[in-house]
Amino acid sequence: MGGPGHEVWLDTYKLNLRTNSGVDEFWIVGFIEKDTNRARSYLTSDIRIDTIALFVAKTVAKNSTLCSPYYHQVGWEFLDKFFDHQRLKKESVQAEGGNTKSGKYRSKKSILTGFEYMWS
């Protein structure tokens, strides 16, 4: 997925699933290639740096533009060596009635509305 001149978006989503032993926490790590709308996701029990790095290495081609919410966070500098790493930024948007609603994403050129919309 990706390659020179292609933009890939990375995001995570937390799931709390009820089981007989209580509530288990899982994470969806999702990738979308902007130009083709190809998507890939992984279900994992944690989102530590080494876990996300494994999924990025398996999914995204070198020299791609990678947009993630981890831009400029400590420990994620290694992504700059292999990708044009940019910020996938959540913004607050005004919903009807003046309520502030989170979940709108913006890369440099595009707007995507919510993680759920990404996979619909």
C-alpha atoms as a PDB file:
ATOM      1  CA  MET A   1       0.000   0.000   0.000  1.00  0.00           C
ATOM      2  CA  GLY A   2       1.371   3.432  -0.852  1.00  0.00           C
ATOM      3  CA  GLY A   3       4.634   4.181  -2.601  1.00  0.00           C
ATOM      4  CA  PRO A   4       6.339   7.353  -3.861  1.00  0.00           C
ATOM      5  CA  GLY A   5       3.721  10.058  -4.403  1.00  0.00           C
ATOM      6  CA  HIS A   6       0.951   8.151  -2.582  1.00  0.00           C
ATOM      7  CA  GLU A   7      -0.638   9.227   0.699  1.00  0.00           C
ATOM      8  CA  VAL A   8      -1.619   6.646   3.342  1.00  0.00           C
ATOM      9  CA  TRP A   9      -3.654   7.538   6.416  1.00  0.00           C
ATOM     10  CA  LEU A  10      -3.136   5.701   9.702  1.00  0.00           C
ATOM     11  CA  ASP A  11      -5.455   5.870  12.685  1.00  0.00           C
ATOM     12  CA  THR A  12      -6.487   3.810  15.703  1.00  0.00           C
ATOM     13  CA  TYR A  13      -9.854   3.153  17.299  1.00  0.00           C
ATOM     14  CA  LYS A  14     -10.485   1.677  20.755  1.00  0.00           C
ATOM     15  CA  LEU A  15     -13.086  -1.062  21.255  1.00  0.00           C
ATOM     16  CA  ASN A  16     -14.355  -2.157  24.663  1.00  0.00           C
ATOM     17  CA  LEU A  17     -15.963  -5.574  24.240  1.00  0.00           C
ATOM     18  CA  ARG A  18     -17.965  -7.262  26.982  1.00  0.00           C
ATOM     19  CA  THR A  19     -17.092 -10.855  27.726  1.00  0.00           C
ATOM     20  CA  ASN A  20     -18.087 -13.307  30.450  1.00  0.00           C
ATOM     21  CA  SER A  21     -15.002 -12.252  32.419  1.00  0.00           C
ATOM     22  CA  GLY A  22     -15.681  -8.508  32.161  1.00  0.00           C
ATOM     23  CA  VAL A  23     -14.699  -5.939  29.562  1.00  0.00           C
ATOM     24  CA  ASP A  24     -11.764  -6.543  27.240  1.00  0.00           C
ATOM     25  CA  GLU A  25      -9.992  -3.715  25.465  1.00  0.00           C
ATOM     26  CA  PHE A  26      -9.016  -4.073  21.806  1.00  0.00           C
ATOM     27  CA  TRP A  27      -7.707  -1.615  19.221  1.00  0.00           C
ATOM     28  CA  ILE A  28      -8.283  -1.376  15.485  1.00  0.00           C
ATOM     29  CA  VAL A  29      -5.243  -0.082  13.604  1.00  0.00           C
ATOM     30  CA  GLY A  30      -6.459   1.121  10.222  1.00  0.00           C
ATOM     31  CA  PHE A  31      -4.779   2.249   6.997  1.00  0.00           C
ATOM     32  CA  ILE A  32      -6.378   3.930   3.975  1.00  0.00           C
ATOM     33  CA  GLU A  33      -4.622   4.794   0.731  1.00  0.00           C
ATOM     34  CA  LYS A  34      -6.059   8.172  -0.233  1.00  0.00           C
ATOM     35  CA  ASP A  35      -5.862   7.871  -4.035  1.00  0.00           C
ATOM     36  CA  THR A  36      -7.393   4.414  -4.409  1.00  0.00           C
ATOM     37  CA  ASN A  37      -9.426   4.134  -1.158  1.00  0.00           C
ATOM     38  CA  ARG A  38      -7.810   0.755  -0.512  1.00  0.00           C
ATOM     39  CA  ALA A  39      -8.076  -0.052   3.173  1.00  0.00           C
ATOM     40  CA  ARG A  40      -6.521  -2.505   5.580  1.00  0.00           C
ATOM     41  CA  SER A  41      -7.067  -2.933   9.299  1.00  0.00           C
ATOM     42  CA  TYR A  42      -5.679  -5.028  12.129  1.00  0.00           C
ATOM     43  CA  LEU A  43      -7.177  -5.961  15.494  1.00  0.00           C
ATOM     44  CA  THR A  44      -4.710  -5.843  18.381  1.00  0.00           C
ATOM     45  CA  SER A  45      -4.744  -5.742  22.173  1.00  0.00           C
ATOM     46  CA  ASP A  46      -2.282  -2.843  22.478  1.00  0.00           C
ATOM     47  CA  ILE A  47      -1.000   0.156  20.534  1.00  0.00           C
ATOM     48  CA  ARG A  48       2.559   0.366  21.791  1.00  0.00           C
ATOM     49  CA  ILE A  49       5.140   1.845  19.435  1.00  0.00           C
ATOM     50  CA  ASP A  50       6.619  -1.537  18.489  1.00  0.00           C
ATOM     51  CA  THR A  51       3.154  -2.944  17.697  1.00  0.00           C
ATOM     52  CA  ILE A  52       2.178  -0.026  15.452  1.00  0.00           C
ATOM     53  CA  ALA A  53       5.631  -0.091  13.807  1.00  0.00           C
ATOM     54  CA  LEU A  54       5.116  -3.766  12.913  1.00  0.00           C
ATOM     55  CA  PHE A  55       1.780  -2.996  11.219  1.00  0.00           C
ATOM     56  CA  VAL A  56       3.250   0.024   9.402  1.00  0.00           C
ATOM     57  CA  ALA A  57       6.175  -2.057   8.128  1.00  0.00           C
ATOM     58  CA  LYS A  58       3.821  -4.818   6.902  1.00  0.00           C
ATOM     59  CA  THR A  59       1.385  -2.413   5.229  1.00  0.00           C
ATOM     60  CA  VAL A  60       2.965   0.827   3.981  1.00  0.00           C
ATOM     61  CA  ALA A  61       5.617   0.994   1.233  1.00  0.00           C
ATOM     62  CA  LYS A  62       8.774   3.044   1.822  1.00  0.00           C
ATOM     63  CA  ASN A  63       8.810   6.646   0.564  1.00  0.00           C
ATOM     64  CA  SER A  64       5.031   6.953   0.959  1.00  0.00           C
ATOM     65  CA  THR A  65       3.449   9.981   2.583  1.00  0.00           C
ATOM     66  CA  LEU A  66       2.206   8.639   5.923  1.00  0.00           C
ATOM     67  CA  CYS A  67      -0.349  10.763   7.803  1.00  0.00           C
ATOM     68  CA  SER A  68      -0.778   9.697  11.422  1.00  0.00           C
ATOM     69  CA  PRO A  69      -1.905  11.201  14.732  1.00  0.00           C
ATOM     70  CA  TYR A  70       1.530  10.287  16.176  1.00  0.00           C
ATOM     71  CA  TYR A  71       3.399  13.048  14.352  1.00  0.00           C
ATOM     72  CA  HIS A  72       5.779  14.906  16.737  1.00  0.00           C
ATOM     73  CA  GLN A  73       5.164  12.536  19.653  1.00  0.00           C
ATOM     74  CA  VAL A  74       8.186  11.184  21.474  1.00  0.00           C
ATOM     75  CA  GLY A  75       9.294   7.795  20.139  1.00  0.00           C
ATOM     76  CA  TRP A  76       7.820   8.116  16.650  1.00  0.00           C
ATOM     77  CA  GLU A  77      10.784   9.905  15.030  1.00  0.00           C
ATOM     78  CA  PHE A  78      11.874   6.694  13.270  1.00  0.00           C
ATOM     79  CA  LEU A  79       8.930   7.072  10.841  1.00  0.00           C
ATOM     80  CA  ASP A  80      10.653  10.134   9.320  1.00  0.00           C
ATOM     81  CA  LYS A  81      13.505   7.900   8.098  1.00  0.00           C
ATOM     82  CA  PHE A  82      11.240   5.784   5.893  1.00  0.00           C
ATOM     83  CA  PHE A  83       8.223   7.986   5.124  1.00  0.00           C
ATOM     84  CA  ASP A  84       7.220  11.576   4.533  1.00  0.00           C
ATOM     85  CA  HIS A  85       5.490  11.606   7.929  1.00  0.00           C
ATOM     86  CA  GLN A  86       2.746  14.202   8.326  1.00  0.00           C
ATOM     87  CA  ARG A  87       0.067  14.914  10.870  1.00  0.00           C
ATOM     88  CA  LEU A  88      -3.426  13.429  10.652  1.00  0.00           C
ATOM     89  CA  LYS A  89      -5.143  15.942  12.883  1.00  0.00           C
ATOM     90  CA  LYS A  90      -8.492  15.632  14.624  1.00  0.00           C
ATOM     91  CA  GLU A  91     -10.454  18.846  14.605  1.00  0.00           C
ATOM     92  CA  SER A  92     -13.578  19.931  16.408  1.00  0.00           C
ATOM     93  CA  VAL A  93     -16.417  20.845  14.109  1.00  0.00           C
ATOM     94  CA  GLN A  94     -19.661  22.629  14.837  1.00  0.00           C
ATOM     95  CA  ALA A  95     -22.668  20.323  14.700  1.00  0.00           C
ATOM     96  CA  GLU A  96     -26.245  21.539  14.411  1.00  0.00           C
ATOM     97  CA  GLY A  97     -27.358  23.492  17.459  1.00  0.00           C
ATOM     98  CA  GLY A  98     -23.852  24.810  18.166  1.00  0.00           C
ATOM     99  CA  ASN A  99     -22.576  21.620  19.810  1.00  0.00           C
ATOM    100  CA  THR A 100     -18.914  20.868  19.297  1.00  0.00           C
ATOM    101  CA  LYS A 101     -18.323  17.481  17.751  1.00  0.00           C
ATOM    102  CA  SER A 102     -14.959  15.766  17.422  1.00  0.00           C
ATOM    103  CA  GLY A 103     -13.988  13.241  14.783  1.00  0.00           C
ATOM    104  CA  LYS A 104     -13.157  15.188  11.646  1.00  0.00           C
ATOM    105  CA  TYR A 105      -9.736  14.437  10.201  1.00  0.00           C
ATOM    106  CA  ARG A 106      -7.578  16.604   8.004  1.00  0.00           C
ATOM    107  CA  SER A 107      -4.425  15.866   6.103  1.00  0.00           C
ATOM    108  CA  LYS A 108      -2.695  18.573   4.082  1.00  0.00           C
ATOM    109  CA  LYS A 109      -5.149  18.404   1.191  1.00  0.00           C
ATOM    110  CA  SER A 110      -8.157  16.365   2.236  1.00  0.00           C
ATOM    111  CA  ILE A 111     -10.895  16.074   4.831  1.00  0.00           C
ATOM    112  CA  LEU A 112     -12.238  12.774   6.104  1.00  0.00           C
ATOM    113  CA  THR A 113     -15.148  12.661   8.515  1.00  0.00           C
ATOM    114  CA  GLY A 114     -14.620  10.156  11.293  1.00  0.00           C
ATOM    115  CA  PHE A 115     -13.024   6.761  11.665  1.00  0.00           C
ATOM    116  CA  GLU A 116     -16.369   4.988  11.271  1.00  0.00           C
ATOM    117  CA  TYR A 117     -16.889   6.731   7.924  1.00  0.00           C
ATOM    118  CA  MET A 118     -13.456   5.539   6.794  1.00  0.00           C
ATOM    119  CA  TRP A 119     -14.571   1.904   6.951  1.00  0.00           C
ATOM    120  CA  SER A 120     -18.132   2.261   5.646  1.00  0.00           C
END
